[in-house]
């Protein structure tokens, strides 16, 4: 696990506690932050803020016009990240907030890697399987077709990985044979 991921989780927990203390709707904050990040990328402001040549006061001046355009909680947090030179963690923090939002609502996201596109019937079978396995109320499936896995599937739900692909089985068999 990368140190950025661990650090982002800590910042996300701290930000979440502030949001709950201020009785903010987490979904609204996630949506607003996604929109903000998208505009940063489109305008190139994200790259400017990440530029190590600029000092912190200049970076804060660059985000100052946002003060009256975004919620005060998000602006304060953004300013804090710039102050601590941790702006690069913002996408990871947002991801962590989304994961928390999904946990609280009983929703999980299953990243499913398959050799061929899933039929509707298979997709609904996977949804039922993941609901039972993870005791979830709802399941969102993100399907990625990857012909390199030959057949079967690989699924990632949070930190949990299921490798039921033919390629994964062959690789495992190869490692076992080479070990003996």
C-alpha atoms as a PDB file:
ATOM      1  CA  UNK A   1       0.000   0.000   0.000  1.00  0.00           C
ATOM      2  CA  UNK A   2       1.500   3.337  -1.022  1.00  0.00           C
ATOM      3  CA  UNK A   3       2.173   6.042   1.540  1.00  0.00           C
ATOM      4  CA  UNK A   4       0.027   8.447  -0.532  1.00  0.00           C
ATOM      5  CA  UNK A   5      -2.944   6.117  -0.189  1.00  0.00           C
ATOM      6  CA  UNK A   6      -2.498   5.789   3.582  1.00  0.00           C
ATOM      7  CA  UNK A   7      -2.027   9.524   3.991  1.00  0.00           C
ATOM      8  CA  UNK A   8      -5.055  10.269   1.791  1.00  0.00           C
ATOM      9  CA  UNK A   9      -7.176   7.931   3.947  1.00  0.00           C
ATOM     10  CA  UNK A  10      -6.144   9.893   7.052  1.00  0.00           C
ATOM     11  CA  UNK A  11      -6.944  13.236   5.450  1.00  0.00           C
ATOM     12  CA  UNK A  12     -10.265  11.860   4.187  1.00  0.00           C
ATOM     13  CA  UNK A  13     -11.219  10.666   7.691  1.00  0.00           C
ATOM     14  CA  UNK A  14     -10.368  14.080   9.146  1.00  0.00           C
ATOM     15  CA  UNK A  15     -12.315  15.882   6.415  1.00  0.00           C
ATOM     16  CA  UNK A  16     -15.233  13.497   6.891  1.00  0.00           C
ATOM     17  CA  UNK A  17     -15.391  14.215  10.610  1.00  0.00           C
ATOM     18  CA  UNK A  18     -15.494  17.964   9.863  1.00  0.00           C
ATOM     19  CA  UNK A  19     -18.261  17.432   7.313  1.00  0.00           C
ATOM     20  CA  UNK A  20     -20.305  15.363   9.764  1.00  0.00           C
ATOM     21  CA  UNK A  21     -19.743  17.916  12.500  1.00  0.00           C
ATOM     22  CA  UNK A  22     -21.088  20.594  10.132  1.00  0.00           C
ATOM     23  CA  UNK A  23     -23.964  18.262   9.148  1.00  0.00           C
ATOM     24  CA  UNK A  24     -23.009  18.321   5.460  1.00  0.00           C
ATOM     25  CA  UNK A  25     -24.417  15.841   2.966  1.00  0.00           C
ATOM     26  CA  UNK A  26     -21.471  13.697   1.904  1.00  0.00           C
ATOM     27  CA  UNK A  27     -22.868  13.052  -1.581  1.00  0.00           C
ATOM     28  CA  UNK A  28     -23.149  16.801  -2.201  1.00  0.00           C
ATOM     29  CA  UNK A  29     -19.538  17.318  -1.110  1.00  0.00           C
ATOM     30  CA  UNK A  30     -18.295  14.458  -3.318  1.00  0.00           C
ATOM     31  CA  UNK A  31     -20.224  15.819  -6.312  1.00  0.00           C
ATOM     32  CA  UNK A  32     -18.991  19.376  -5.758  1.00  0.00           C
ATOM     33  CA  UNK A  33     -15.392  18.198  -5.323  1.00  0.00           C
ATOM     34  CA  UNK A  34     -15.591  16.105  -8.514  1.00  0.00           C
ATOM     35  CA  UNK A  35     -16.814  19.153 -10.431  1.00  0.00           C
ATOM     36  CA  UNK A  36     -14.044  21.253  -8.916  1.00  0.00           C
ATOM     37  CA  UNK A  37     -11.366  18.702  -9.848  1.00  0.00           C
ATOM     38  CA  UNK A  38     -12.731  18.482 -13.383  1.00  0.00           C
ATOM     39  CA  UNK A  39     -12.485  22.252 -13.795  1.00  0.00           C
ATOM     40  CA  UNK A  40      -8.945  22.172 -12.343  1.00  0.00           C
ATOM     41  CA  UNK A  41      -7.924  19.620 -14.976  1.00  0.00           C
ATOM     42  CA  UNK A  42      -9.665  21.455 -17.822  1.00  0.00           C
ATOM     43  CA  UNK A  43      -8.052  24.789 -16.975  1.00  0.00           C
ATOM     44  CA  UNK A  44      -4.665  23.335 -16.033  1.00  0.00           C
ATOM     45  CA  UNK A  45      -4.871  24.891 -12.571  1.00  0.00           C
ATOM     46  CA  UNK A  46      -4.071  21.522 -11.002  1.00  0.00           C
ATOM     47  CA  UNK A  47      -0.666  21.453 -12.711  1.00  0.00           C
ATOM     48  CA  UNK A  48       0.030  25.032 -11.686  1.00  0.00           C
ATOM     49  CA  UNK A  49      -0.800  24.317  -8.038  1.00  0.00           C
ATOM     50  CA  UNK A  50       1.396  21.206  -8.114  1.00  0.00           C
ATOM     51  CA  UNK A  51       4.326  23.193  -9.554  1.00  0.00           C
ATOM     52  CA  UNK A  52       7.116  22.986  -6.932  1.00  0.00           C
ATOM     53  CA  UNK A  53       8.633  26.273  -8.125  1.00  0.00           C
ATOM     54  CA  UNK A  54       5.659  28.322  -6.909  1.00  0.00           C
ATOM     55  CA  UNK A  55       5.557  29.227  -3.236  1.00  0.00           C
ATOM     56  CA  UNK A  56       2.542  28.455  -1.073  1.00  0.00           C
ATOM     57  CA  UNK A  57       1.316  32.067  -0.889  1.00  0.00           C
ATOM     58  CA  UNK A  58       1.158  32.244  -4.705  1.00  0.00           C
ATOM     59  CA  UNK A  59      -0.749  28.969  -4.838  1.00  0.00           C
ATOM     60  CA  UNK A  60      -3.208  30.270  -2.232  1.00  0.00           C
ATOM     61  CA  UNK A  61      -3.695  33.427  -4.307  1.00  0.00           C
ATOM     62  CA  UNK A  62      -4.579  31.222  -7.279  1.00  0.00           C
ATOM     63  CA  UNK A  63      -7.369  29.444  -5.413  1.00  0.00           C
ATOM     64  CA  UNK A  64      -8.655  32.577  -3.641  1.00  0.00           C
ATOM     65  CA  UNK A  65     -11.210  33.408  -6.415  1.00  0.00           C
ATOM     66  CA  UNK A  66     -12.904  30.068  -5.608  1.00  0.00           C
ATOM     67  CA  UNK A  67     -13.747  31.198  -2.073  1.00  0.00           C
ATOM     68  CA  UNK A  68     -17.195  32.530  -2.968  1.00  0.00           C
ATOM     69  CA  UNK A  69     -17.913  29.923  -5.657  1.00  0.00           C
ATOM     70  CA  UNK A  70     -17.575  26.710  -3.659  1.00  0.00           C
ATOM     71  CA  UNK A  71     -18.741  25.684  -0.208  1.00  0.00           C
ATOM     72  CA  UNK A  72     -16.717  26.976   2.703  1.00  0.00           C
ATOM     73  CA  UNK A  73     -15.893  23.445   3.934  1.00  0.00           C
ATOM     74  CA  UNK A  74     -14.370  22.462   0.610  1.00  0.00           C
ATOM     75  CA  UNK A  75     -12.528  25.757   0.222  1.00  0.00           C
ATOM     76  CA  UNK A  76     -11.061  25.504   3.730  1.00  0.00           C
ATOM     77  CA  UNK A  77      -9.953  21.951   3.086  1.00  0.00           C
ATOM     78  CA  UNK A  78      -8.473  22.894  -0.282  1.00  0.00           C
ATOM     79  CA  UNK A  79      -6.597  25.762   1.346  1.00  0.00           C
ATOM     80  CA  UNK A  80      -5.355  23.380   4.050  1.00  0.00           C
ATOM     81  CA  UNK A  81      -4.056  20.930   1.421  1.00  0.00           C
ATOM     82  CA  UNK A  82      -2.231  23.741  -0.369  1.00  0.00           C
ATOM     83  CA  UNK A  83      -0.779  24.949   2.962  1.00  0.00           C
ATOM     84  CA  UNK A  84       0.533  21.486   3.769  1.00  0.00           C
ATOM     85  CA  UNK A  85       1.741  20.929   0.203  1.00  0.00           C
ATOM     86  CA  UNK A  86      -0.640  17.950  -0.101  1.00  0.00           C
ATOM     87  CA  UNK A  87      -2.810  19.095  -3.002  1.00  0.00           C
ATOM     88  CA  UNK A  88      -1.677  16.061  -4.998  1.00  0.00           C
ATOM     89  CA  UNK A  89      -3.646  13.864  -2.574  1.00  0.00           C
ATOM     90  CA  UNK A  90      -6.989  15.414  -3.528  1.00  0.00           C
ATOM     91  CA  UNK A  91      -7.993  12.688  -6.048  1.00  0.00           C
ATOM     92  CA  UNK A  92      -7.140   9.967  -3.508  1.00  0.00           C
ATOM     93  CA  UNK A  93      -9.038  11.780  -0.765  1.00  0.00           C
ATOM     94  CA  UNK A  94     -12.064  12.074  -3.031  1.00  0.00           C
ATOM     95  CA  UNK A  95     -11.858   8.348  -3.799  1.00  0.00           C
ATOM     96  CA  UNK A  96     -11.736   7.589  -0.077  1.00  0.00           C
ATOM     97  CA  UNK A  97     -14.754   9.831   0.553  1.00  0.00           C
ATOM     98  CA  UNK A  98     -16.672   8.003  -2.186  1.00  0.00           C
ATOM     99  CA  UNK A  99     -15.768   4.646  -0.636  1.00  0.00           C
ATOM    100  CA  UNK A 100     -17.017   5.877   2.734  1.00  0.00           C
ATOM    101  CA  UNK A 101     -20.221   7.158   1.165  1.00  0.00           C
ATOM    102  CA  UNK A 102     -20.766   3.774  -0.484  1.00  0.00           C
ATOM    103  CA  UNK A 103     -20.071   1.937   2.787  1.00  0.00           C
ATOM    104  CA  UNK A 104     -22.557   4.049   4.692  1.00  0.00           C
ATOM    105  CA  UNK A 105     -25.262   3.498   2.092  1.00  0.00           C
ATOM    106  CA  UNK A 106     -24.546  -0.246   1.777  1.00  0.00           C
ATOM    107  CA  UNK A 107     -23.366   0.146  -1.813  1.00  0.00           C
ATOM    108  CA  UNK A 108     -20.248  -1.517  -3.184  1.00  0.00           C
ATOM    109  CA  UNK A 109     -18.425  -1.034  -6.445  1.00  0.00           C
ATOM    110  CA  UNK A 110     -17.153  -4.202  -8.087  1.00  0.00           C
ATOM    111  CA  UNK A 111     -14.469  -3.671 -10.715  1.00  0.00           C
ATOM    112  CA  UNK A 112     -14.912  -6.689 -12.930  1.00  0.00           C
ATOM    113  CA  UNK A 113     -12.336  -7.650 -15.533  1.00  0.00           C
ATOM    114  CA  UNK A 114     -13.649 -10.169 -18.063  1.00  0.00           C
ATOM    115  CA  UNK A 115     -12.459 -11.701 -21.325  1.00  0.00           C
ATOM    116  CA  UNK A 116     -15.706 -10.953 -23.193  1.00  0.00           C
ATOM    117  CA  UNK A 117     -18.560  -8.536 -22.440  1.00  0.00           C
ATOM    118  CA  UNK A 118     -21.067  -9.756 -19.861  1.00  0.00           C
ATOM    119  CA  UNK A 119     -24.615 -10.631 -20.775  1.00  0.00           C
ATOM    120  CA  UNK A 120     -27.397  -9.055 -18.741  1.00  0.00           C
ATOM    121  CA  UNK A 121     -28.036 -12.412 -17.073  1.00  0.00           C
ATOM    122  CA  UNK A 122     -24.384 -12.821 -16.039  1.00  0.00           C
ATOM    123  CA  UNK A 123     -24.276  -9.245 -14.786  1.00  0.00           C
ATOM    124  CA  UNK A 124     -27.335  -9.817 -12.597  1.00  0.00           C
ATOM    125  CA  UNK A 125     -25.796 -13.084 -11.316  1.00  0.00           C
ATOM    126  CA  UNK A 126     -22.635 -11.203 -10.354  1.00  0.00           C
ATOM    127  CA  UNK A 127     -24.700  -8.522  -8.629  1.00  0.00           C
ATOM    128  CA  UNK A 128     -26.537 -11.147  -6.548  1.00  0.00           C
ATOM    129  CA  UNK A 129     -23.264 -12.929  -5.742  1.00  0.00           C
ATOM    130  CA  UNK A 130     -21.573  -9.727  -4.572  1.00  0.00           C
ATOM    131  CA  UNK A 131     -24.636  -8.682  -2.545  1.00  0.00           C
ATOM    132  CA  UNK A 132     -24.477 -11.949  -0.616  1.00  0.00           C
ATOM    133  CA  UNK A 133     -20.681 -12.098  -0.349  1.00  0.00           C
ATOM    134  CA  UNK A 134     -20.291  -8.538   0.932  1.00  0.00           C
ATOM    135  CA  UNK A 135     -23.689  -8.109   2.606  1.00  0.00           C
ATOM    136  CA  UNK A 136     -24.428  -5.133   0.368  1.00  0.00           C
ATOM    137  CA  UNK A 137     -27.711  -3.428  -0.402  1.00  0.00           C
ATOM    138  CA  UNK A 138     -26.613  -2.381  -3.888  1.00  0.00           C
ATOM    139  CA  UNK A 139     -23.810  -3.272  -6.267  1.00  0.00           C
ATOM    140  CA  UNK A 140     -22.366  -1.176  -9.070  1.00  0.00           C
ATOM    141  CA  UNK A 141     -20.395  -3.186 -11.597  1.00  0.00           C
ATOM    142  CA  UNK A 142     -17.622  -1.518 -13.546  1.00  0.00           C
ATOM    143  CA  UNK A 143     -16.907  -3.876 -16.419  1.00  0.00           C
ATOM    144  CA  UNK A 144     -13.579  -3.894 -18.241  1.00  0.00           C
ATOM    145  CA  UNK A 145     -12.985  -6.276 -21.148  1.00  0.00           C
ATOM    146  CA  UNK A 146      -9.424  -7.641 -21.162  1.00  0.00           C
ATOM    147  CA  UNK A 147      -8.760 -10.436 -23.643  1.00  0.00           C
ATOM    148  CA  UNK A 148      -5.427 -11.225 -21.951  1.00  0.00           C
ATOM    149  CA  UNK A 149      -7.176 -13.001 -19.094  1.00  0.00           C
ATOM    150  CA  UNK A 150      -8.324 -15.630 -21.649  1.00  0.00           C
ATOM    151  CA  UNK A 151     -11.497 -16.561 -19.762  1.00  0.00           C
ATOM    152  CA  UNK A 152     -13.124 -16.280 -16.361  1.00  0.00           C
ATOM    153  CA  UNK A 153     -12.939 -13.019 -14.442  1.00  0.00           C
ATOM    154  CA  UNK A 154     -11.041 -10.908 -11.956  1.00  0.00           C
ATOM    155  CA  UNK A 155     -13.010  -8.835  -9.492  1.00  0.00           C
ATOM    156  CA  UNK A 156     -11.846  -6.119  -7.132  1.00  0.00           C
ATOM    157  CA  UNK A 157     -14.173  -4.885  -4.432  1.00  0.00           C
ATOM    158  CA  UNK A 158     -12.422  -2.426  -2.149  1.00  0.00           C
ATOM    159  CA  UNK A 159      -9.251  -4.178  -1.016  1.00  0.00           C
ATOM    160  CA  UNK A 160     -10.658  -7.630  -1.791  1.00  0.00           C
ATOM    161  CA  UNK A 161      -9.472  -9.359  -4.982  1.00  0.00           C
ATOM    162  CA  UNK A 162     -11.003 -12.441  -6.583  1.00  0.00           C
ATOM    163  CA  UNK A 163      -8.972 -13.954  -9.419  1.00  0.00           C
ATOM    164  CA  UNK A 164     -11.039 -16.618 -11.164  1.00  0.00           C
ATOM    165  CA  UNK A 165      -9.416 -16.081 -14.533  1.00  0.00           C
ATOM    166  CA  UNK A 166      -7.815 -18.804 -16.624  1.00  0.00           C
ATOM    167  CA  UNK A 167      -4.654 -16.712 -16.866  1.00  0.00           C
ATOM    168  CA  UNK A 168      -4.555 -16.366 -13.070  1.00  0.00           C
ATOM    169  CA  UNK A 169      -4.993 -20.109 -12.622  1.00  0.00           C
ATOM    170  CA  UNK A 170      -2.235 -20.853 -15.144  1.00  0.00           C
ATOM    171  CA  UNK A 171       0.116 -18.376 -13.462  1.00  0.00           C
ATOM    172  CA  UNK A 172      -0.600 -19.929 -10.068  1.00  0.00           C
ATOM    173  CA  UNK A 173       0.057 -23.441 -11.413  1.00  0.00           C
ATOM    174  CA  UNK A 174       3.316 -22.233 -12.995  1.00  0.00           C
ATOM    175  CA  UNK A 175       4.492 -20.700  -9.695  1.00  0.00           C
ATOM    176  CA  UNK A 176       3.677 -23.927  -7.823  1.00  0.00           C
ATOM    177  CA  UNK A 177       5.531 -26.072 -10.359  1.00  0.00           C
ATOM    178  CA  UNK A 178       8.579 -23.817 -10.343  1.00  0.00           C
ATOM    179  CA  UNK A 179       8.631 -23.720  -6.522  1.00  0.00           C
ATOM    180  CA  UNK A 180       8.876 -27.521  -6.317  1.00  0.00           C
END
